[in-house]
């Protein structure tokens, strides 16, 4: 997997004022913001719930996950 953030992910985040966000990059072409949060604690709570409810349905897809936090966009790797 590439360490570079895809342009579709960067474009999806342009103009957003959210501090924290989970971005799903699906099938190497479509990016969408799954959820946003105003602070880190809320983000971690939402991410825990998202992993339990949504992640199982995406595990078989070609998907990359990204986290937007203040000053950075990082790829998220979920080990299951």
PDB file of N, CA and C in Angstrom:
ATOM      1  N   UNK A   1       0.834  -1.185   0.000  1.00  0.00           N
ATOM      2  CA  UNK A   1       0.000   0.000   0.000  1.00  0.00           C
ATOM      3  C   UNK A   1       0.871   1.238   0.000  1.00  0.00           C
ATOM      4  N   UNK A   2       0.391   2.220  -0.650  1.00  0.00           N
ATOM      5  CA  UNK A   2       1.110   3.479  -0.729  1.00  0.00           C
ATOM      6  C   UNK A   2       0.946   4.270   0.564  1.00  0.00           C
ATOM      7  N   UNK A   3       2.013   4.987   0.925  1.00  0.00           N
ATOM      8  CA  UNK A   3       1.944   5.849   2.103  1.00  0.00           C
ATOM      9  C   UNK A   3       1.397   7.227   1.749  1.00  0.00           C
ATOM     10  N   UNK A   4       1.255   7.501   0.470  1.00  0.00           N
ATOM     11  CA  UNK A   4       0.796   8.807   0.026  1.00  0.00           C
ATOM     12  C   UNK A   4      -0.723   8.920   0.168  1.00  0.00           C
ATOM     13  N   UNK A   5      -1.166  10.096   0.594  1.00  0.00           N
ATOM     14  CA  UNK A   5      -2.601  10.342   0.722  1.00  0.00           C
ATOM     15  C   UNK A   5      -3.171  10.585  -0.670  1.00  0.00           C
ATOM     16  N   UNK A   6      -4.184   9.818  -1.089  1.00  0.00           N
ATOM     17  CA  UNK A   6      -4.774  10.000  -2.417  1.00  0.00           C
ATOM     18  C   UNK A   6      -5.373  11.399  -2.586  1.00  0.00           C
ATOM     19  N   UNK A   7      -5.304  11.904  -3.811  1.00  0.00           N
ATOM     20  CA  UNK A   7      -5.840  13.234  -4.111  1.00  0.00           C
ATOM     21  C   UNK A   7      -7.334  13.326  -3.825  1.00  0.00           C
ATOM     22  N   UNK A   8      -8.066  12.242  -4.016  1.00  0.00           N
ATOM     23  CA  UNK A   8      -9.512  12.255  -3.743  1.00  0.00           C
ATOM     24  C   UNK A   8      -9.789  12.497  -2.261  1.00  0.00           C
ATOM     25  N   UNK A   9      -8.923  11.980  -1.399  1.00  0.00           N
ATOM     26  CA  UNK A   9      -9.080  12.193   0.036  1.00  0.00           C
ATOM     27  C   UNK A   9      -8.788  13.649   0.372  1.00  0.00           C
ATOM     28  N   UNK A  10      -7.692  14.175  -0.164  1.00  0.00           N
ATOM     29  CA  UNK A  10      -7.350  15.580   0.074  1.00  0.00           C
ATOM     30  C   UNK A  10      -8.443  16.501  -0.443  1.00  0.00           C
ATOM     31  N   UNK A  11      -8.966  16.189  -1.630  1.00  0.00           N
ATOM     32  CA  UNK A  11     -10.015  17.026  -2.216  1.00  0.00           C
ATOM     33  C   UNK A  11     -11.284  17.000  -1.372  1.00  0.00           C
ATOM     34  N   UNK A  12     -11.619  15.846  -0.829  1.00  0.00           N
ATOM     35  CA  UNK A  12     -12.820  15.729  -0.005  1.00  0.00           C
ATOM     36  C   UNK A  12     -12.709  16.601   1.251  1.00  0.00           C
ATOM     37  N   UNK A  13     -11.503  16.770   1.753  1.00  0.00           N
ATOM     38  CA  UNK A  13     -11.301  17.542   2.978  1.00  0.00           C
ATOM     39  C   UNK A  13     -11.125  19.042   2.736  1.00  0.00           C
ATOM     40  N   UNK A  14     -10.918  19.432   1.487  1.00  0.00           N
ATOM     41  CA  UNK A  14     -10.747  20.851   1.193  1.00  0.00           C
ATOM     42  C   UNK A  14     -11.981  21.623   1.618  1.00  0.00           C
ATOM     43  N   UNK A  15     -11.750  22.701   2.328  1.00  0.00           N
ATOM     44  CA  UNK A  15     -12.847  23.568   2.732  1.00  0.00           C
ATOM     45  C   UNK A  15     -13.634  23.102   3.935  1.00  0.00           C
ATOM     46  N   UNK A  16     -13.278  21.960   4.514  1.00  0.00           N
ATOM     47  CA  UNK A  16     -13.982  21.508   5.713  1.00  0.00           C
ATOM     48  C   UNK A  16     -13.308  22.103   6.941  1.00  0.00           C
ATOM     49  N   UNK A  17     -14.099  22.395   7.928  1.00  0.00           N
ATOM     50  CA  UNK A  17     -13.553  22.998   9.146  1.00  0.00           C
ATOM     51  C   UNK A  17     -13.470  22.001  10.304  1.00  0.00           C
ATOM     52  N   UNK A  18     -13.721  20.741  10.028  1.00  0.00           N
ATOM     53  CA  UNK A  18     -13.703  19.743  11.097  1.00  0.00           C
ATOM     54  C   UNK A  18     -12.279  19.538  11.608  1.00  0.00           C
ATOM     55  N   UNK A  19     -12.173  19.283  12.901  1.00  0.00           N
ATOM     56  CA  UNK A  19     -10.855  19.013  13.488  1.00  0.00           C
ATOM     57  C   UNK A  19     -10.457  17.558  13.313  1.00  0.00           C
ATOM     58  N   UNK A  20     -11.412  16.670  13.485  1.00  0.00           N
ATOM     59  CA  UNK A  20     -11.164  15.233  13.374  1.00  0.00           C
ATOM     60  C   UNK A  20     -12.190  14.617  12.440  1.00  0.00           C
ATOM     61  N   UNK A  21     -11.731  13.706  11.577  1.00  0.00           N
ATOM     62  CA  UNK A  21     -12.648  13.055  10.642  1.00  0.00           C
ATOM     63  C   UNK A  21     -12.109  11.683  10.259  1.00  0.00           C
ATOM     64  N   UNK A  22     -13.027  10.789   9.936  1.00  0.00           N
ATOM     65  CA  UNK A  22     -12.670   9.494   9.359  1.00  0.00           C
ATOM     66  C   UNK A  22     -13.086   9.540   7.898  1.00  0.00           C
ATOM     67  N   UNK A  23     -12.127   9.312   7.020  1.00  0.00           N
ATOM     68  CA  UNK A  23     -12.385   9.333   5.580  1.00  0.00           C
ATOM     69  C   UNK A  23     -12.197   7.920   5.043  1.00  0.00           C
ATOM     70  N   UNK A  24     -13.172   7.445   4.310  1.00  0.00           N
ATOM     71  CA  UNK A  24     -13.118   6.126   3.691  1.00  0.00           C
ATOM     72  C   UNK A  24     -12.799   6.324   2.209  1.00  0.00           C
ATOM     73  N   UNK A  25     -11.757   5.652   1.733  1.00  0.00           N
ATOM     74  CA  UNK A  25     -11.352   5.694   0.325  1.00  0.00           C
ATOM     75  C   UNK A  25     -11.671   4.317  -0.246  1.00  0.00           C
ATOM     76  N   UNK A  26     -12.714   4.252  -1.047  1.00  0.00           N
ATOM     77  CA  UNK A  26     -13.285   2.983  -1.491  1.00  0.00           C
ATOM     78  C   UNK A  26     -12.973   2.702  -2.951  1.00  0.00           C
ATOM     79  N   UNK A  27     -12.555   1.492  -3.228  1.00  0.00           N
ATOM     80  CA  UNK A  27     -12.291   1.018  -4.582  1.00  0.00           C
ATOM     81  C   UNK A  27     -11.294   1.889  -5.338  1.00  0.00           C
ATOM     82  N   UNK A  28     -10.354   2.474  -4.614  1.00  0.00           N
ATOM     83  CA  UNK A  28      -9.270   3.274  -5.189  1.00  0.00           C
ATOM     84  C   UNK A  28      -9.754   4.447  -6.033  1.00  0.00           C
ATOM     85  N   UNK A  29     -10.988   4.937  -5.764  1.00  0.00           N
ATOM     86  CA  UNK A  29     -11.455   6.085  -6.544  1.00  0.00           C
ATOM     87  C   UNK A  29     -12.388   7.012  -5.773  1.00  0.00           C
ATOM     88  N   UNK A  30     -13.224   6.489  -4.896  1.00  0.00           N
ATOM     89  CA  UNK A  30     -14.215   7.313  -4.211  1.00  0.00           C
ATOM     90  C   UNK A  30     -13.837   7.528  -2.756  1.00  0.00           C
ATOM     91  N   UNK A  31     -13.863   8.792  -2.341  1.00  0.00           N
ATOM     92  CA  UNK A  31     -13.589   9.122  -0.949  1.00  0.00           C
ATOM     93  C   UNK A  31     -14.828   9.775  -0.357  1.00  0.00           C
ATOM     94  N   UNK A  32     -15.119   9.425   0.891  1.00  0.00           N
ATOM     95  CA  UNK A  32     -16.203  10.109   1.577  1.00  0.00           C
ATOM     96  C   UNK A  32     -15.882  10.214   3.060  1.00  0.00           C
ATOM     97  N   UNK A  33     -16.396  11.273   3.666  1.00  0.00           N
ATOM     98  CA  UNK A  33     -16.200  11.491   5.088  1.00  0.00           C
ATOM     99  C   UNK A  33     -17.291  10.725   5.818  1.00  0.00           C
ATOM    100  N   UNK A  34     -16.889   9.757   6.613  1.00  0.00           N
ATOM    101  CA  UNK A  34     -17.863   8.933   7.321  1.00  0.00           C
ATOM    102  C   UNK A  34     -18.394   9.648   8.552  1.00  0.00           C
ATOM    103  N   UNK A  35     -17.506  10.259   9.334  1.00  0.00           N
ATOM    104  CA  UNK A  35     -17.964  11.050  10.478  1.00  0.00           C
ATOM    105  C   UNK A  35     -16.905  12.076  10.854  1.00  0.00           C
ATOM    106  N   UNK A  36     -17.335  13.117  11.544  1.00  0.00           N
ATOM    107  CA  UNK A  36     -16.441  14.161  12.046  1.00  0.00           C
ATOM    108  C   UNK A  36     -16.721  14.371  13.528  1.00  0.00           C
ATOM    109  N   UNK A  37     -15.732  14.902  14.218  1.00  0.00           N
ATOM    110  CA  UNK A  37     -15.867  15.193  15.650  1.00  0.00           C
ATOM    111  C   UNK A  37     -15.083  16.454  15.983  1.00  0.00           C
ATOM    112  N   UNK A  38     -15.554  17.192  16.981  1.00  0.00           N
ATOM    113  CA  UNK A  38     -14.875  18.424  17.353  1.00  0.00           C
ATOM    114  C   UNK A  38     -13.645  18.219  18.241  1.00  0.00           C
ATOM    115  N   UNK A  39     -13.545  17.054  18.887  1.00  0.00           N
ATOM    116  CA  UNK A  39     -12.380  16.832  19.761  1.00  0.00           C
ATOM    117  C   UNK A  39     -11.941  15.374  19.721  1.00  0.00           C
ATOM    118  N   UNK A  40     -10.734  15.140  20.217  1.00  0.00           N
ATOM    119  CA  UNK A  40     -10.115  13.826  20.124  1.00  0.00           C
ATOM    120  C   UNK A  40     -10.869  12.760  20.910  1.00  0.00           C
ATOM    121  N   UNK A  41     -11.338  13.092  22.088  1.00  0.00           N
ATOM    122  CA  UNK A  41     -12.058  12.108  22.909  1.00  0.00           C
ATOM    123  C   UNK A  41     -13.326  11.619  22.212  1.00  0.00           C
ATOM    124  N   UNK A  42     -14.099  12.544  21.664  1.00  0.00           N
ATOM    125  CA  UNK A  42     -15.306  12.150  20.920  1.00  0.00           C
ATOM    126  C   UNK A  42     -14.955  11.324  19.694  1.00  0.00           C
ATOM    127  N   UNK A  43     -13.851  11.694  19.021  1.00  0.00           N
ATOM    128  CA  UNK A  43     -13.422  10.949  17.836  1.00  0.00           C
ATOM    129  C   UNK A  43     -13.108   9.500  18.191  1.00  0.00           C
ATOM    130  N   UNK A  44     -12.381   9.289  19.276  1.00  0.00           N
ATOM    131  CA  UNK A  44     -12.041   7.918  19.677  1.00  0.00           C
ATOM    132  C   UNK A  44     -13.281   7.099  20.022  1.00  0.00           C
ATOM    133  N   UNK A  45     -14.257   7.726  20.654  1.00  0.00           N
ATOM    134  CA  UNK A  45     -15.511   7.037  20.975  1.00  0.00           C
ATOM    135  C   UNK A  45     -16.251   6.661  19.703  1.00  0.00           C
ATOM    136  N   UNK A  46     -16.365   7.614  18.778  1.00  0.00           N
ATOM    137  CA  UNK A  46     -17.044   7.345  17.501  1.00  0.00           C
ATOM    138  C   UNK A  46     -16.313   6.263  16.707  1.00  0.00           C
ATOM    139  N   UNK A  47     -14.984   6.312  16.708  1.00  0.00           N
ATOM    140  CA  UNK A  47     -14.194   5.330  15.963  1.00  0.00           C
ATOM    141  C   UNK A  47     -14.391   3.928  16.537  1.00  0.00           C
ATOM    142  N   UNK A  48     -14.425   3.815  17.853  1.00  0.00           N
ATOM    143  CA  UNK A  48     -14.660   2.506  18.483  1.00  0.00           C
ATOM    144  C   UNK A  48     -16.014   1.938  18.038  1.00  0.00           C
ATOM    145  N   UNK A  49     -17.049   2.778  18.060  1.00  0.00           N
ATOM    146  CA  UNK A  49     -18.376   2.330  17.638  1.00  0.00           C
ATOM    147  C   UNK A  49     -18.398   2.012  16.150  1.00  0.00           C
ATOM    148  N   UNK A  50     -17.730   2.822  15.337  1.00  0.00           N
ATOM    149  CA  UNK A  50     -17.668   2.612  13.885  1.00  0.00           C
ATOM    150  C   UNK A  50     -17.004   1.273  13.582  1.00  0.00           C
ATOM    151  N   UNK A  51     -15.907   0.973  14.268  1.00  0.00           N
ATOM    152  CA  UNK A  51     -15.204  -0.294  14.031  1.00  0.00           C
ATOM    153  C   UNK A  51     -16.091  -1.492  14.348  1.00  0.00           C
ATOM    154  N   UNK A  52     -16.926  -1.351  15.346  1.00  0.00           N
ATOM    155  CA  UNK A  52     -17.808  -2.459  15.734  1.00  0.00           C
ATOM    156  C   UNK A  52     -18.980  -2.605  14.774  1.00  0.00           C
ATOM    157  N   UNK A  53     -19.557  -1.490  14.314  1.00  0.00           N
ATOM    158  CA  UNK A  53     -20.775  -1.530  13.504  1.00  0.00           C
ATOM    159  C   UNK A  53     -20.530  -1.538  11.999  1.00  0.00           C
ATOM    160  N   UNK A  54     -19.581  -0.742  11.522  1.00  0.00           N
ATOM    161  CA  UNK A  54     -19.413  -0.532  10.077  1.00  0.00           C
ATOM    162  C   UNK A  54     -18.258  -1.328   9.491  1.00  0.00           C
ATOM    163  N   UNK A  55     -17.145  -1.389  10.190  1.00  0.00           N
ATOM    164  CA  UNK A  55     -15.959  -2.042   9.641  1.00  0.00           C
ATOM    165  C   UNK A  55     -16.205  -3.467   9.139  1.00  0.00           C
ATOM    166  N   UNK A  56     -16.965  -4.299   9.843  1.00  0.00           N
ATOM    167  CA  UNK A  56     -17.182  -5.665   9.330  1.00  0.00           C
ATOM    168  C   UNK A  56     -17.779  -5.701   7.919  1.00  0.00           C
ATOM    169  N   UNK A  57     -18.595  -4.729   7.568  1.00  0.00           N
ATOM    170  CA  UNK A  57     -19.197  -4.719   6.234  1.00  0.00           C
ATOM    171  C   UNK A  57     -18.223  -4.235   5.159  1.00  0.00           C
ATOM    172  N   UNK A  58     -17.132  -3.604   5.556  1.00  0.00           N
ATOM    173  CA  UNK A  58     -16.156  -3.093   4.587  1.00  0.00           C
ATOM    174  C   UNK A  58     -14.920  -3.971   4.461  1.00  0.00           C
ATOM    175  N   UNK A  59     -14.758  -4.923   5.351  1.00  0.00           N
ATOM    176  CA  UNK A  59     -13.532  -5.720   5.404  1.00  0.00           C
ATOM    177  C   UNK A  59     -13.209  -6.430   4.096  1.00  0.00           C
ATOM    178  N   UNK A  60     -14.199  -6.807   3.348  1.00  0.00           N
ATOM    179  CA  UNK A  60     -13.946  -7.537   2.099  1.00  0.00           C
ATOM    180  C   UNK A  60     -13.790  -6.618   0.902  1.00  0.00           C
ATOM    181  N   UNK A  61     -13.990  -5.341   1.097  1.00  0.00           N
ATOM    182  CA  UNK A  61     -13.852  -4.369   0.016  1.00  0.00           C
ATOM    183  C   UNK A  61     -12.414  -3.891  -0.084  1.00  0.00           C
ATOM    184  N   UNK A  62     -12.112  -3.308  -1.228  1.00  0.00           N
ATOM    185  CA  UNK A  62     -10.824  -2.649  -1.384  1.00  0.00           C
ATOM    186  C   UNK A  62     -10.981  -1.260  -0.777  1.00  0.00           C
ATOM    187  N   UNK A  63     -10.544  -1.114   0.455  1.00  0.00           N
ATOM    188  CA  UNK A  63     -10.791   0.118   1.191  1.00  0.00           C
ATOM    189  C   UNK A  63      -9.531   0.548   1.931  1.00  0.00           C
ATOM    190  N   UNK A  64      -9.325   1.853   1.958  1.00  0.00           N
ATOM    191  CA  UNK A  64      -8.278   2.465   2.777  1.00  0.00           C
ATOM    192  C   UNK A  64      -8.957   3.497   3.657  1.00  0.00           C
ATOM    193  N   UNK A  65      -8.489   3.605   4.888  1.00  0.00           N
ATOM    194  CA  UNK A  65      -9.076   4.537   5.843  1.00  0.00           C
ATOM    195  C   UNK A  65      -8.060   5.611   6.187  1.00  0.00           C
ATOM    196  N   UNK A  66      -8.557   6.832   6.330  1.00  0.00           N
ATOM    197  CA  UNK A  66      -7.694   7.947   6.684  1.00  0.00           C
ATOM    198  C   UNK A  66      -8.318   8.721   7.831  1.00  0.00           C
ATOM    199  N   UNK A  67      -7.465   9.241   8.688  1.00  0.00           N
ATOM    200  CA  UNK A  67      -7.892  10.082   9.795  1.00  0.00           C
ATOM    201  C   UNK A  67      -7.371  11.480   9.550  1.00  0.00           C
ATOM    202  N   UNK A  68      -8.255  12.443   9.632  1.00  0.00           N
ATOM    203  CA  UNK A  68      -7.855  13.844   9.591  1.00  0.00           C
ATOM    204  C   UNK A  68      -7.824  14.329  11.018  1.00  0.00           C
ATOM    205  N   UNK A  69      -6.681  14.867  11.414  1.00  0.00           N
ATOM    206  CA  UNK A  69      -6.533  15.479  12.722  1.00  0.00           C
ATOM    207  C   UNK A  69      -5.857  16.822  12.500  1.00  0.00           C
ATOM    208  N   UNK A  70      -5.856  17.693  13.476  1.00  0.00           N
ATOM    209  CA  UNK A  70      -5.258  19.006  13.260  1.00  0.00           C
ATOM    210  C   UNK A  70      -3.823  18.909  12.730  1.00  0.00           C
ATOM    211  N   UNK A  71      -3.626  19.431  11.533  1.00  0.00           N
ATOM    212  CA  UNK A  71      -2.298  19.465  10.937  1.00  0.00           C
ATOM    213  C   UNK A  71      -1.850  18.240  10.179  1.00  0.00           C
ATOM    214  N   UNK A  72      -2.678  17.207  10.074  1.00  0.00           N
ATOM    215  CA  UNK A  72      -2.227  15.985   9.415  1.00  0.00           C
ATOM    216  C   UNK A  72      -3.384  15.141   8.896  1.00  0.00           C
ATOM    217  N   UNK A  73      -3.066  14.356   7.873  1.00  0.00           N
ATOM    218  CA  UNK A  73      -3.959  13.297   7.390  1.00  0.00           C
ATOM    219  C   UNK A  73      -3.113  12.031   7.416  1.00  0.00           C
ATOM    220  N   UNK A  74      -3.591  11.028   8.144  1.00  0.00           N
ATOM    221  CA  UNK A  74      -2.828   9.789   8.309  1.00  0.00           C
ATOM    222  C   UNK A  74      -3.691   8.597   7.896  1.00  0.00           C
ATOM    223  N   UNK A  75      -3.022   7.592   7.346  1.00  0.00           N
ATOM    224  CA  UNK A  75      -3.728   6.364   7.015  1.00  0.00           C
ATOM    225  C   UNK A  75      -3.916   5.525   8.279  1.00  0.00           C
ATOM    226  N   UNK A  76      -5.098   4.952   8.411  1.00  0.00           N
ATOM    227  CA  UNK A  76      -5.434   4.113   9.555  1.00  0.00           C
ATOM    228  C   UNK A  76      -5.410   2.657   9.118  1.00  0.00           C
ATOM    229  N   UNK A  77      -4.707   1.837   9.858  1.00  0.00           N
ATOM    230  CA  UNK A  77      -4.658   0.393   9.590  1.00  0.00           C
ATOM    231  C   UNK A  77      -5.340  -0.312  10.748  1.00  0.00           C
ATOM    232  N   UNK A  78      -6.373  -1.080  10.446  1.00  0.00           N
ATOM    233  CA  UNK A  78      -7.108  -1.822  11.465  1.00  0.00           C
ATOM    234  C   UNK A  78      -6.704  -3.287  11.356  1.00  0.00           C
ATOM    235  N   UNK A  79      -6.174  -3.816  12.424  1.00  0.00           N
ATOM    236  CA  UNK A  79      -5.755  -5.223  12.465  1.00  0.00           C
ATOM    237  C   UNK A  79      -6.870  -6.036  13.095  1.00  0.00           C
ATOM    238  N   UNK A  80      -7.458  -6.920  12.321  1.00  0.00           N
ATOM    239  CA  UNK A  80      -8.545  -7.770  12.820  1.00  0.00           C
ATOM    240  C   UNK A  80      -8.297  -9.180  12.383  1.00  0.00           C
TER     241      UNK A  80
END
